[in-house]
mmCIF file of all heavy atoms, coordinates in Angstrom:
data_MODEL
# 
_entry.id   MODEL 
# 
loop_
_atom_site.group_PDB 
_atom_site.id 
_atom_site.type_symbol 
_atom_site.label_atom_id 
_atom_site.label_alt_id 
_atom_site.label_comp_id 
_atom_site.label_asym_id 
_atom_site.label_entity_id 
_atom_site.label_seq_id 
_atom_site.pdbx_PDB_ins_code 
_atom_site.Cartn_x 
_atom_site.Cartn_y 
_atom_site.Cartn_z 
_atom_site.occupancy 
_atom_site.B_iso_or_equiv 
_atom_site.pdbx_formal_charge 
_atom_site.auth_seq_id 
_atom_site.auth_comp_id 
_atom_site.auth_asym_id 
_atom_site.auth_atom_id 
_atom_site.pdbx_PDB_model_num 
ATOM 1   N N   . LYS A 1 1  ? 167.634 -105.650 99.005  1.00 0.00 ? 1  LYS A N   1 
ATOM 2   C CA  . LYS A 1 1  ? 168.707 -105.885 99.997  1.00 0.00 ? 1  LYS A CA  1 
ATOM 3   C C   . LYS A 1 1  ? 168.716 -107.338 100.492 1.00 0.00 ? 1  LYS A C   1 
ATOM 4   O O   . LYS A 1 1  ? 169.784 -107.913 100.702 1.00 0.00 ? 1  LYS A O   1 
ATOM 5   C CB  . LYS A 1 1  ? 168.574 -104.887 101.111 1.00 0.00 ? 1  LYS A CB  1 
ATOM 6   C CG  . LYS A 1 1  ? 168.869 -103.480 100.715 1.00 0.00 ? 1  LYS A CG  1 
ATOM 7   C CD  . LYS A 1 1  ? 168.586 -102.477 101.855 1.00 0.00 ? 1  LYS A CD  1 
ATOM 8   C CE  . LYS A 1 1  ? 168.848 -101.073 101.438 1.00 0.00 ? 1  LYS A CE  1 
ATOM 9   N NZ  . LYS A 1 1  ? 168.573 -100.083 102.510 1.00 0.00 ? 1  LYS A NZ  1 
ATOM 10  N N   . GLN A 1 2  ? 167.549 -107.878 100.739 1.00 0.00 ? 2  GLN A N   1 
ATOM 11  C CA  . GLN A 1 2  ? 167.477 -109.254 101.185 1.00 0.00 ? 2  GLN A CA  1 
ATOM 12  C C   . GLN A 1 2  ? 168.048 -110.225 100.161 1.00 0.00 ? 2  GLN A C   1 
ATOM 13  O O   . GLN A 1 2  ? 168.763 -111.193 100.516 1.00 0.00 ? 2  GLN A O   1 
ATOM 14  C CB  . GLN A 1 2  ? 166.031 -109.659 101.521 1.00 0.00 ? 2  GLN A CB  1 
ATOM 15  C CG  . GLN A 1 2  ? 165.430 -108.913 102.759 1.00 0.00 ? 2  GLN A CG  1 
ATOM 16  C CD  . GLN A 1 2  ? 163.949 -109.189 102.909 1.00 0.00 ? 2  GLN A CD  1 
ATOM 17  O OE1 . GLN A 1 2  ? 163.385 -110.042 102.270 1.00 0.00 ? 2  GLN A OE1 1 
ATOM 18  N NE2 . GLN A 1 2  ? 163.338 -108.432 103.822 1.00 0.00 ? 2  GLN A NE2 1 
ATOM 19  N N   . LEU A 1 3  ? 167.700 -110.022 98.908  1.00 0.00 ? 3  LEU A N   1 
ATOM 20  C CA  . LEU A 1 3  ? 168.191 -110.878 97.840  1.00 0.00 ? 3  LEU A CA  1 
ATOM 21  C C   . LEU A 1 3  ? 169.705 -110.722 97.615  1.00 0.00 ? 3  LEU A C   1 
ATOM 22  O O   . LEU A 1 3  ? 170.414 -111.692 97.425  1.00 0.00 ? 3  LEU A O   1 
ATOM 23  C CB  . LEU A 1 3  ? 167.451 -110.569 96.526  1.00 0.00 ? 3  LEU A CB  1 
ATOM 24  C CG  . LEU A 1 3  ? 165.959 -110.954 96.528  1.00 0.00 ? 3  LEU A CG  1 
ATOM 25  C CD1 . LEU A 1 3  ? 165.238 -110.256 95.371  1.00 0.00 ? 3  LEU A CD1 1 
ATOM 26  C CD2 . LEU A 1 3  ? 165.808 -112.483 96.429  1.00 0.00 ? 3  LEU A CD2 1 
ATOM 27  N N   . LYS A 1 4  ? 170.175 -109.475 97.702  1.00 0.00 ? 4  LYS A N   1 
ATOM 28  C CA  . LYS A 1 4  ? 171.579 -109.214 97.459  1.00 0.00 ? 4  LYS A CA  1 
ATOM 29  C C   . LYS A 1 4  ? 172.464 -109.948 98.529  1.00 0.00 ? 4  LYS A C   1 
ATOM 30  O O   . LYS A 1 4  ? 173.563 -110.385 98.226  1.00 0.00 ? 4  LYS A O   1 
ATOM 31  C CB  . LYS A 1 4  ? 171.846 -107.742 97.524  1.00 0.00 ? 4  LYS A CB  1 
ATOM 32  C CG  . LYS A 1 4  ? 173.316 -107.351 97.146  1.00 0.00 ? 4  LYS A CG  1 
ATOM 33  C CD  . LYS A 1 4  ? 173.423 -105.850 97.047  1.00 0.00 ? 4  LYS A CD  1 
ATOM 34  C CE  . LYS A 1 4  ? 174.889 -105.478 96.715  1.00 0.00 ? 4  LYS A CE  1 
ATOM 35  N NZ  . LYS A 1 4  ? 175.806 -105.799 97.834  1.00 0.00 ? 4  LYS A NZ  1 
ATOM 36  N N   . GLN A 1 5  ? 171.961 -110.001 99.755  1.00 0.00 ? 5  GLN A N   1 
ATOM 37  C CA  . GLN A 1 5  ? 172.744 -110.615 100.807 1.00 0.00 ? 5  GLN A CA  1 
ATOM 38  C C   . GLN A 1 5  ? 172.941 -112.129 100.548 1.00 0.00 ? 5  GLN A C   1 
ATOM 39  O O   . GLN A 1 5  ? 173.876 -112.741 101.081 1.00 0.00 ? 5  GLN A O   1 
ATOM 40  C CB  . GLN A 1 5  ? 172.020 -110.453 102.182 1.00 0.00 ? 5  GLN A CB  1 
ATOM 41  C CG  . GLN A 1 5  ? 172.134 -109.007 102.718 1.00 0.00 ? 5  GLN A CG  1 
ATOM 42  C CD  . GLN A 1 5  ? 171.366 -108.855 104.006 1.00 0.00 ? 5  GLN A CD  1 
ATOM 43  O OE1 . GLN A 1 5  ? 170.624 -109.731 104.411 1.00 0.00 ? 5  GLN A OE1 1 
ATOM 44  N NE2 . GLN A 1 5  ? 171.547 -107.713 104.652 1.00 0.00 ? 5  GLN A NE2 1 
ATOM 45  N N   . GLN A 1 6  ? 172.082 -112.683 99.726  1.00 0.00 ? 6  GLN A N   1 
ATOM 46  C CA  . GLN A 1 6  ? 172.182 -114.167 99.443  1.00 0.00 ? 6  GLN A CA  1 
ATOM 47  C C   . GLN A 1 6  ? 173.060 -114.460 98.216  1.00 0.00 ? 6  GLN A C   1 
ATOM 48  O O   . GLN A 1 6  ? 173.312 -115.616 97.926  1.00 0.00 ? 6  GLN A O   1 
ATOM 49  C CB  . GLN A 1 6  ? 170.807 -114.698 99.177  1.00 0.00 ? 6  GLN A CB  1 
ATOM 50  C CG  . GLN A 1 6  ? 169.822 -114.504 100.349 1.00 0.00 ? 6  GLN A CG  1 
ATOM 51  C CD  . GLN A 1 6  ? 168.407 -114.967 99.994  1.00 0.00 ? 6  GLN A CD  1 
ATOM 52  O OE1 . GLN A 1 6  ? 168.204 -116.135 99.586  1.00 0.00 ? 6  GLN A OE1 1 
ATOM 53  N NE2 . GLN A 1 6  ? 167.463 -114.115 100.127 1.00 0.00 ? 6  GLN A NE2 1 
ATOM 54  N N   . LEU A 1 7  ? 173.588 -113.415 97.581  1.00 0.00 ? 7  LEU A N   1 
ATOM 55  C CA  . LEU A 1 7  ? 174.330 -113.646 96.347  1.00 0.00 ? 7  LEU A CA  1 
ATOM 56  C C   . LEU A 1 7  ? 175.751 -114.169 96.523  1.00 0.00 ? 7  LEU A C   1 
ATOM 57  O O   . LEU A 1 7  ? 176.381 -114.589 95.567  1.00 0.00 ? 7  LEU A O   1 
ATOM 58  C CB  . LEU A 1 7  ? 174.393 -112.336 95.541  1.00 0.00 ? 7  LEU A CB  1 
ATOM 59  C CG  . LEU A 1 7  ? 173.151 -112.029 94.687  1.00 0.00 ? 7  LEU A CG  1 
ATOM 60  C CD1 . LEU A 1 7  ? 173.197 -110.638 94.086  1.00 0.00 ? 7  LEU A CD1 1 
ATOM 61  C CD2 . LEU A 1 7  ? 172.987 -113.081 93.560  1.00 0.00 ? 7  LEU A CD2 1 
ATOM 62  N N   . GLY A 1 8  ? 176.265 -114.072 97.749  1.00 0.00 ? 8  GLY A N   1 
ATOM 63  C CA  . GLY A 1 8  ? 177.609 -114.567 97.986  1.00 0.00 ? 8  GLY A CA  1 
ATOM 64  C C   . GLY A 1 8  ? 178.666 -113.804 97.180  1.00 0.00 ? 8  GLY A C   1 
ATOM 65  O O   . GLY A 1 8  ? 178.668 -112.572 97.156  1.00 0.00 ? 8  GLY A O   1 
ATOM 66  N N   . ASN A 1 9  ? 179.478 -114.531 96.401  1.00 0.00 ? 9  ASN A N   1 
ATOM 67  C CA  . ASN A 1 9  ? 180.526 -113.878 95.635  1.00 0.00 ? 9  ASN A CA  1 
ATOM 68  C C   . ASN A 1 9  ? 180.150 -113.755 94.148  1.00 0.00 ? 9  ASN A C   1 
ATOM 69  O O   . ASN A 1 9  ? 181.039 -113.780 93.261  1.00 0.00 ? 9  ASN A O   1 
ATOM 70  C CB  . ASN A 1 9  ? 181.836 -114.690 95.721  1.00 0.00 ? 9  ASN A CB  1 
ATOM 71  C CG  . ASN A 1 9  ? 181.684 -116.128 95.221  1.00 0.00 ? 9  ASN A CG  1 
ATOM 72  O OD1 . ASN A 1 9  ? 180.558 -116.572 95.000  1.00 0.00 ? 9  ASN A OD1 1 
ATOM 73  N ND2 . ASN A 1 9  ? 182.743 -116.856 95.128  1.00 0.00 ? 9  ASN A ND2 1 
ATOM 74  N N   . TYR A 1 10 ? 178.884 -113.634 93.853  1.00 0.00 ? 10 TYR A N   1 
ATOM 75  C CA  . TYR A 1 10 ? 178.459 -113.532 92.455  1.00 0.00 ? 10 TYR A CA  1 
ATOM 76  C C   . TYR A 1 10 ? 179.089 -112.354 91.796  1.00 0.00 ? 10 TYR A C   1 
ATOM 77  O O   . TYR A 1 10 ? 179.126 -111.216 92.320  1.00 0.00 ? 10 TYR A O   1 
ATOM 78  C CB  . TYR A 1 10 ? 176.912 -113.431 92.393  1.00 0.00 ? 10 TYR A CB  1 
ATOM 79  C CG  . TYR A 1 10 ? 176.322 -113.559 91.012  1.00 0.00 ? 10 TYR A CG  1 
ATOM 80  C CD1 . TYR A 1 10 ? 176.460 -114.772 90.330  1.00 0.00 ? 10 TYR A CD1 1 
ATOM 81  C CD2 . TYR A 1 10 ? 175.656 -112.509 90.436  1.00 0.00 ? 10 TYR A CD2 1 
ATOM 82  C CE1 . TYR A 1 10 ? 175.906 -114.880 89.035  1.00 0.00 ? 10 TYR A CE1 1 
ATOM 83  C CE2 . TYR A 1 10 ? 175.073 -112.629 89.157  1.00 0.00 ? 10 TYR A CE2 1 
ATOM 84  C CZ  . TYR A 1 10 ? 175.235 -113.837 88.484  1.00 0.00 ? 10 TYR A CZ  1 
ATOM 85  O OH  . TYR A 1 10 ? 174.681 -113.990 87.222  1.00 0.00 ? 10 TYR A OH  1 
ATOM 86  N N   . PRO A 1 11 ? 179.643 -112.531 90.568  1.00 0.00 ? 11 PRO A N   1 
ATOM 87  C CA  . PRO A 1 11 ? 180.425 -111.447 89.929  1.00 0.00 ? 11 PRO A CA  1 
ATOM 88  C C   . PRO A 1 11 ? 179.712 -110.162 89.655  1.00 0.00 ? 11 PRO A C   1 
ATOM 89  O O   . PRO A 1 11 ? 180.331 -109.111 89.603  1.00 0.00 ? 11 PRO A O   1 
ATOM 90  C CB  . PRO A 1 11 ? 180.872 -112.137 88.579  1.00 0.00 ? 11 PRO A CB  1 
ATOM 91  C CG  . PRO A 1 11 ? 180.798 -113.596 88.816  1.00 0.00 ? 11 PRO A CG  1 
ATOM 92  C CD  . PRO A 1 11 ? 179.647 -113.768 89.796  1.00 0.00 ? 11 PRO A CD  1 
ATOM 93  N N   . LEU A 1 12 ? 178.379 -110.226 89.445  1.00 0.00 ? 12 LEU A N   1 
ATOM 94  C CA  . LEU A 1 12 ? 177.671 -109.007 89.077  1.00 0.00 ? 12 LEU A CA  1 
ATOM 95  C C   . LEU A 1 12 ? 177.034 -108.276 90.281  1.00 0.00 ? 12 LEU A C   1 
ATOM 96  O O   . LEU A 1 12 ? 176.206 -107.438 90.127  1.00 0.00 ? 12 LEU A O   1 
ATOM 97  C CB  . LEU A 1 12 ? 176.533 -109.345 88.109  1.00 0.00 ? 12 LEU A CB  1 
ATOM 98  C CG  . LEU A 1 12 ? 177.038 -109.812 86.703  1.00 0.00 ? 12 LEU A CG  1 
ATOM 99  C CD1 . LEU A 1 12 ? 175.878 -110.212 85.824  1.00 0.00 ? 12 LEU A CD1 1 
ATOM 100 C CD2 . LEU A 1 12 ? 177.859 -108.719 86.013  1.00 0.00 ? 12 LEU A CD2 1 
ATOM 101 N N   . GLN A 1 13 ? 177.519 -108.595 91.490  1.00 0.00 ? 13 GLN A N   1 
ATOM 102 C CA  . GLN A 1 13 ? 177.043 -107.913 92.643  1.00 0.00 ? 13 GLN A CA  1 
ATOM 103 C C   . GLN A 1 13 ? 177.257 -106.399 92.562  1.00 0.00 ? 13 GLN A C   1 
ATOM 104 O O   . GLN A 1 13 ? 176.383 -105.612 92.960  1.00 0.00 ? 13 GLN A O   1 
ATOM 105 C CB  . GLN A 1 13 ? 177.739 -108.396 93.926  1.00 0.00 ? 13 GLN A CB  1 
ATOM 106 C CG  . GLN A 1 13 ? 177.054 -109.574 94.601  1.00 0.00 ? 13 GLN A CG  1 
ATOM 107 C CD  . GLN A 1 13 ? 177.450 -109.695 96.042  1.00 0.00 ? 13 GLN A CD  1 
ATOM 108 O OE1 . GLN A 1 13 ? 176.881 -109.040 96.903  1.00 0.00 ? 13 GLN A OE1 1 
ATOM 109 N NE2 . GLN A 1 13 ? 178.441 -110.539 96.313  1.00 0.00 ? 13 GLN A NE2 1 
ATOM 110 N N   . ASP A 1 14 ? 178.436 -105.974 92.105  1.00 0.00 ? 14 ASP A N   1 
ATOM 111 C CA  . ASP A 1 14 ? 178.768 -104.566 92.022  1.00 0.00 ? 14 ASP A CA  1 
ATOM 112 C C   . ASP A 1 14 ? 177.847 -103.846 91.041  1.00 0.00 ? 14 ASP A C   1 
ATOM 113 O O   . ASP A 1 14 ? 177.517 -102.646 91.236  1.00 0.00 ? 14 ASP A O   1 
ATOM 114 C CB  . ASP A 1 14 ? 180.203 -104.356 91.611  1.00 0.00 ? 14 ASP A CB  1 
ATOM 115 C CG  . ASP A 1 14 ? 181.191 -104.668 92.724  1.00 0.00 ? 14 ASP A CG  1 
ATOM 116 O OD1 . ASP A 1 14 ? 180.762 -104.672 93.892  1.00 0.00 ? 14 ASP A OD1 1 
ATOM 117 O OD2 . ASP A 1 14 ? 182.344 -104.970 92.434  1.00 0.00 ? 14 ASP A OD2 1 
ATOM 118 N N   . TYR A 1 15 ? 177.386 -104.516 90.007  1.00 0.00 ? 15 TYR A N   1 
ATOM 119 C CA  . TYR A 1 15 ? 176.466 -103.870 89.082  1.00 0.00 ? 15 TYR A CA  1 
ATOM 120 C C   . TYR A 1 15 ? 175.144 -103.564 89.783  1.00 0.00 ? 15 TYR A C   1 
ATOM 121 O O   . TYR A 1 15 ? 174.592 -102.504 89.578  1.00 0.00 ? 15 TYR A O   1 
ATOM 122 C CB  . TYR A 1 15 ? 176.242 -104.822 87.839  1.00 0.00 ? 15 TYR A CB  1 
ATOM 123 C CG  . TYR A 1 15 ? 175.100 -104.323 86.955  1.00 0.00 ? 15 TYR A CG  1 
ATOM 124 C CD1 . TYR A 1 15 ? 175.262 -103.199 86.163  1.00 0.00 ? 15 TYR A CD1 1 
ATOM 125 C CD2 . TYR A 1 15 ? 173.892 -104.914 86.995  1.00 0.00 ? 15 TYR A CD2 1 
ATOM 126 C CE1 . TYR A 1 15 ? 174.269 -102.731 85.344  1.00 0.00 ? 15 TYR A CE1 1 
ATOM 127 C CE2 . TYR A 1 15 ? 172.823 -104.495 86.207  1.00 0.00 ? 15 TYR A CE2 1 
ATOM 128 C CZ  . TYR A 1 15 ? 173.015 -103.395 85.403  1.00 0.00 ? 15 TYR A CZ  1 
ATOM 129 O OH  . TYR A 1 15 ? 171.993 -102.905 84.619  1.00 0.00 ? 15 TYR A OH  1 
ATOM 130 N N   . LEU A 1 16 ? 174.645 -104.508 90.575  1.00 0.00 ? 16 LEU A N   1 
ATOM 131 C CA  . LEU A 1 16 ? 173.405 -104.296 91.336  1.00 0.00 ? 16 LEU A CA  1 
ATOM 132 C C   . LEU A 1 16 ? 173.584 -103.083 92.282  1.00 0.00 ? 16 LEU A C   1 
ATOM 133 O O   . LEU A 1 16 ? 172.702 -102.223 92.350  1.00 0.00 ? 16 LEU A O   1 
ATOM 134 C CB  . LEU A 1 16 ? 173.062 -105.544 92.134  1.00 0.00 ? 16 LEU A CB  1 
ATOM 135 C CG  . LEU A 1 16 ? 172.437 -106.685 91.356  1.00 0.00 ? 16 LEU A CG  1 
ATOM 136 C CD1 . LEU A 1 16 ? 172.218 -107.867 92.327  1.00 0.00 ? 16 LEU A CD1 1 
ATOM 137 C CD2 . LEU A 1 16 ? 171.106 -106.318 90.665  1.00 0.00 ? 16 LEU A CD2 1 
ATOM 138 N N   . GLU A 1 17 ? 174.724 -103.045 92.947  1.00 0.00 ? 17 GLU A N   1 
ATOM 139 C CA  . GLU A 1 17 ? 174.958 -101.968 93.909  1.00 0.00 ? 17 GLU A CA  1 
ATOM 140 C C   . GLU A 1 17 ? 175.043 -100.629 93.165  1.00 0.00 ? 17 GLU A C   1 
ATOM 141 O O   . GLU A 1 17 ? 174.537 -99.606  93.628  1.00 0.00 ? 17 GLU A O   1 
ATOM 142 C CB  . GLU A 1 17 ? 176.274 -102.231 94.684  1.00 0.00 ? 17 GLU A CB  1 
ATOM 143 C CG  . GLU A 1 17 ? 176.530 -101.258 95.806  1.00 0.00 ? 17 GLU A CG  1 
ATOM 144 C CD  . GLU A 1 17 ? 175.536 -101.372 96.971  1.00 0.00 ? 17 GLU A CD  1 
ATOM 145 O OE1 . GLU A 1 17 ? 174.688 -102.295 96.965  1.00 0.00 ? 17 GLU A OE1 1 
ATOM 146 O OE2 . GLU A 1 17 ? 175.585 -100.541 97.866  1.00 0.00 ? 17 GLU A OE2 1 
ATOM 147 N N   . TYR A 1 18 ? 175.695 -100.639 92.010  1.00 0.00 ? 18 TYR A N   1 
ATOM 148 C CA  . TYR A 1 18 ? 175.774 -99.413  91.163  1.00 0.00 ? 18 TYR A CA  1 
ATOM 149 C C   . TYR A 1 18 ? 174.373 -98.929  90.807  1.00 0.00 ? 18 TYR A C   1 
ATOM 150 O O   . TYR A 1 18 ? 174.074 -97.733  90.946  1.00 0.00 ? 18 TYR A O   1 
ATOM 151 C CB  . TYR A 1 18 ? 176.588 -99.747  89.921  1.00 0.00 ? 18 TYR A CB  1 
ATOM 152 C CG  . TYR A 1 18 ? 176.360 -98.778  88.798  1.00 0.00 ? 18 TYR A CG  1 
ATOM 153 C CD1 . TYR A 1 18 ? 176.964 -97.519  88.749  1.00 0.00 ? 18 TYR A CD1 1 
ATOM 154 C CD2 . TYR A 1 18 ? 175.530 -99.146  87.725  1.00 0.00 ? 18 TYR A CD2 1 
ATOM 155 C CE1 . TYR A 1 18 ? 176.714 -96.652  87.742  1.00 0.00 ? 18 TYR A CE1 1 
ATOM 156 C CE2 . TYR A 1 18 ? 175.282 -98.253  86.671  1.00 0.00 ? 18 TYR A CE2 1 
ATOM 157 C CZ  . TYR A 1 18 ? 175.884 -97.001  86.648  1.00 0.00 ? 18 TYR A CZ  1 
ATOM 158 O OH  . TYR A 1 18 ? 175.656 -96.148  85.644  1.00 0.00 ? 18 TYR A OH  1 
ATOM 159 N N   . ARG A 1 19 ? 173.529 -99.870  90.422  1.00 0.00 ? 19 ARG A N   1 
ATOM 160 C CA  . ARG A 1 19 ? 172.161 -99.459  90.021  1.00 0.00 ? 19 ARG A CA  1 
ATOM 161 C C   . ARG A 1 19 ? 171.394 -98.912  91.237  1.00 0.00 ? 19 ARG A C   1 
ATOM 162 O O   . ARG A 1 19 ? 170.676 -97.903  91.101  1.00 0.00 ? 19 ARG A O   1 
ATOM 163 C CB  . ARG A 1 19 ? 171.401 -100.680 89.446  1.00 0.00 ? 19 ARG A CB  1 
ATOM 164 C CG  . ARG A 1 19 ? 171.718 -100.977 88.019  1.00 0.00 ? 19 ARG A CG  1 
ATOM 165 C CD  . ARG A 1 19 ? 170.586 -101.805 87.419  1.00 0.00 ? 19 ARG A CD  1 
ATOM 166 N NE  . ARG A 1 19 ? 169.341 -101.061 87.403  1.00 0.00 ? 19 ARG A NE  1 
ATOM 167 C CZ  . ARG A 1 19 ? 168.098 -101.618 87.388  1.00 0.00 ? 19 ARG A CZ  1 
ATOM 168 N NH1 . ARG A 1 19 ? 168.003 -102.948 87.441  1.00 0.00 ? 19 ARG A NH1 1 
ATOM 169 N NH2 . ARG A 1 19 ? 167.033 -100.883 87.394  1.00 0.00 ? 19 ARG A NH2 1 
ATOM 170 N N   . TYR A 1 20 ? 171.546 -99.570  92.379  1.00 0.00 ? 20 TYR A N   1 
ATOM 171 C CA  . TYR A 1 20 ? 170.874 -99.143  93.593  1.00 0.00 ? 20 TYR A CA  1 
ATOM 172 C C   . TYR A 1 20 ? 171.309 -97.705  93.985  1.00 0.00 ? 20 TYR A C   1 
ATOM 173 O O   . TYR A 1 20 ? 170.451 -96.812  94.273  1.00 0.00 ? 20 TYR A O   1 
ATOM 174 C CB  . TYR A 1 20 ? 171.099 -100.110 94.716  1.00 0.00 ? 20 TYR A CB  1 
ATOM 175 C CG  . TYR A 1 20 ? 170.657 -99.595  96.071  1.00 0.00 ? 20 TYR A CG  1 
ATOM 176 C CD1 . TYR A 1 20 ? 169.283 -99.580  96.388  1.00 0.00 ? 20 TYR A CD1 1 
ATOM 177 C CD2 . TYR A 1 20 ? 171.559 -99.099  96.975  1.00 0.00 ? 20 TYR A CD2 1 
ATOM 178 C CE1 . TYR A 1 20 ? 168.866 -99.086  97.643  1.00 0.00 ? 20 TYR A CE1 1 
ATOM 179 C CE2 . TYR A 1 20 ? 171.118 -98.615  98.234  1.00 0.00 ? 20 TYR A CE2 1 
ATOM 180 C CZ  . TYR A 1 20 ? 169.789 -98.599  98.529  1.00 0.00 ? 20 TYR A CZ  1 
ATOM 181 O OH  . TYR A 1 20 ? 169.391 -98.119  99.742  1.00 0.00 ? 20 TYR A OH  1 
ATOM 182 N N   . LEU A 1 21 ? 172.590 -97.481  93.976  1.00 0.00 ? 21 LEU A N   1 
ATOM 183 C CA  . LEU A 1 21 ? 173.131 -96.159  94.344  1.00 0.00 ? 21 LEU A CA  1 
ATOM 184 C C   . LEU A 1 21 ? 172.683 -95.086  93.363  1.00 0.00 ? 21 LEU A C   1 
ATOM 185 O O   . LEU A 1 21 ? 172.290 -93.967  93.753  1.00 0.00 ? 21 LEU A O   1 
ATOM 186 C CB  . LEU A 1 21 ? 174.647 -96.207  94.407  1.00 0.00 ? 21 LEU A CB  1 
ATOM 187 C CG  . LEU A 1 21 ? 175.265 -97.104  95.494  1.00 0.00 ? 21 LEU A CG  1 
ATOM 188 C CD1 . LEU A 1 21 ? 176.764 -97.213  95.342  1.00 0.00 ? 21 LEU A CD1 1 
ATOM 189 C CD2 . LEU A 1 21 ? 174.873 -96.655  96.893  1.00 0.00 ? 21 LEU A CD2 1 
ATOM 190 N N   . ARG A 1 22 ? 172.689 -95.410  92.103  1.00 0.00 ? 22 ARG A N   1 
ATOM 191 C CA  . ARG A 1 22 ? 172.255 -94.456  91.083  1.00 0.00 ? 22 ARG A CA  1 
ATOM 192 C C   . ARG A 1 22 ? 170.830 -94.085  91.246  1.00 0.00 ? 22 ARG A C   1 
ATOM 193 O O   . ARG A 1 22 ? 170.429 -92.883  91.086  1.00 0.00 ? 22 ARG A O   1 
ATOM 194 C CB  . ARG A 1 22 ? 172.532 -95.035  89.706  1.00 0.00 ? 22 ARG A CB  1 
ATOM 195 C CG  . ARG A 1 22 ? 172.133 -94.061  88.587  1.00 0.00 ? 22 ARG A CG  1 
ATOM 196 C CD  . ARG A 1 22 ? 172.394 -94.665  87.207  1.00 0.00 ? 22 ARG A CD  1 
ATOM 197 N NE  . ARG A 1 22 ? 171.698 -93.947  86.165  1.00 0.00 ? 22 ARG A NE  1 
ATOM 198 C CZ  . ARG A 1 22 ? 171.704 -94.259  84.897  1.00 0.00 ? 22 ARG A CZ  1 
ATOM 199 N NH1 . ARG A 1 22 ? 172.413 -95.297  84.484  1.00 0.00 ? 22 ARG A NH1 1 
ATOM 200 N NH2 . ARG A 1 22 ? 170.998 -93.544  84.023  1.00 0.00 ? 22 ARG A NH2 1 
ATOM 201 N N   . LEU A 1 23 ? 169.992 -95.028  91.589  1.00 0.00 ? 23 LEU A N   1 
ATOM 202 C CA  . LEU A 1 23 ? 168.550 -94.790  91.778  1.00 0.00 ? 23 LEU A CA  1 
ATOM 203 C C   . LEU A 1 23 ? 168.286 -93.999  93.051  1.00 0.00 ? 23 LEU A C   1 
ATOM 204 O O   . LEU A 1 23 ? 167.236 -93.358  93.142  1.00 0.00 ? 23 LEU A O   1 
ATOM 205 C CB  . LEU A 1 23 ? 167.788 -96.100  91.830  1.00 0.00 ? 23 LEU A CB  1 
ATOM 206 C CG  . LEU A 1 23 ? 167.666 -96.842  90.495  1.00 0.00 ? 23 LEU A CG  1 
ATOM 207 C CD1 . LEU A 1 23 ? 167.169 -98.252  90.748  1.00 0.00 ? 23 LEU A CD1 1 
ATOM 208 C CD2 . LEU A 1 23 ? 166.690 -96.129  89.550  1.00 0.00 ? 23 LEU A CD2 1 
ATOM 209 N N   . ASN A 1 24 ? 169.226 -93.972  93.992  1.00 0.00 ? 24 ASN A N   1 
ATOM 210 C CA  . ASN A 1 24 ? 168.947 -93.339  95.264  1.00 0.00 ? 24 ASN A CA  1 
ATOM 211 C C   . ASN A 1 24 ? 169.978 -92.255  95.617  1.00 0.00 ? 24 ASN A C   1 
ATOM 212 O O   . ASN A 1 24 ? 170.218 -91.969  96.778  1.00 0.00 ? 24 ASN A O   1 
ATOM 213 C CB  . ASN A 1 24 ? 168.993 -94.414  96.360  1.00 0.00 ? 24 ASN A CB  1 
ATOM 214 C CG  . ASN A 1 24 ? 167.787 -95.375  96.271  1.00 0.00 ? 24 ASN A CG  1 
ATOM 215 O OD1 . ASN A 1 24 ? 166.726 -95.101  96.753  1.00 0.00 ? 24 ASN A OD1 1 
ATOM 216 N ND2 . ASN A 1 24 ? 168.014 -96.488  95.608  1.00 0.00 ? 24 ASN A ND2 1 
ATOM 217 N N   . LEU A 1 25 ? 170.546 -91.617  94.595  1.00 0.00 ? 25 LEU A N   1 
ATOM 218 C CA  . LEU A 1 25 ? 171.564 -90.614  94.792  1.00 0.00 ? 25 LEU A CA  1 
ATOM 219 C C   . LEU A 1 25 ? 171.150 -89.526  95.786  1.00 0.00 ? 25 LEU A C   1 
ATOM 220 O O   . LEU A 1 25 ? 171.928 -89.126  96.669  1.00 0.00 ? 25 LEU A O   1 
ATOM 221 C CB  . LEU A 1 25 ? 171.955 -89.957  93.481  1.00 0.00 ? 25 LEU A CB  1 
ATOM 222 C CG  . LEU A 1 25 ? 172.935 -90.728  92.580  1.00 0.00 ? 25 LEU A CG  1 
ATOM 223 C CD1 . LEU A 1 25 ? 173.067 -90.011  91.254  1.00 0.00 ? 25 LEU A CD1 1 
ATOM 224 C CD2 . LEU A 1 25 ? 174.250 -90.869  93.250  1.00 0.00 ? 25 LEU A CD2 1 
ATOM 225 N N   . ALA A 1 26 ? 169.945 -89.045  95.656  1.00 0.00 ? 26 ALA A N   1 
ATOM 226 C CA  . ALA A 1 26 ? 169.477 -87.914  96.474  1.00 0.00 ? 26 ALA A CA  1 
ATOM 227 C C   . ALA A 1 26 ? 169.327 -88.261  97.915  1.00 0.00 ? 26 ALA A C   1 
ATOM 228 O O   . ALA A 1 26 ? 169.429 -87.385  98.798  1.00 0.00 ? 26 ALA A O   1 
ATOM 229 C CB  . ALA A 1 26 ? 168.160 -87.376  95.921  1.00 0.00 ? 26 ALA A CB  1 
# 
């Protein structure tokens, strides 16, 4: 989360968020 906040408008942000959500569905 700390690293993601520093990414600004990086195009692959949504991919990271997708992976995070998938890993934490429950």
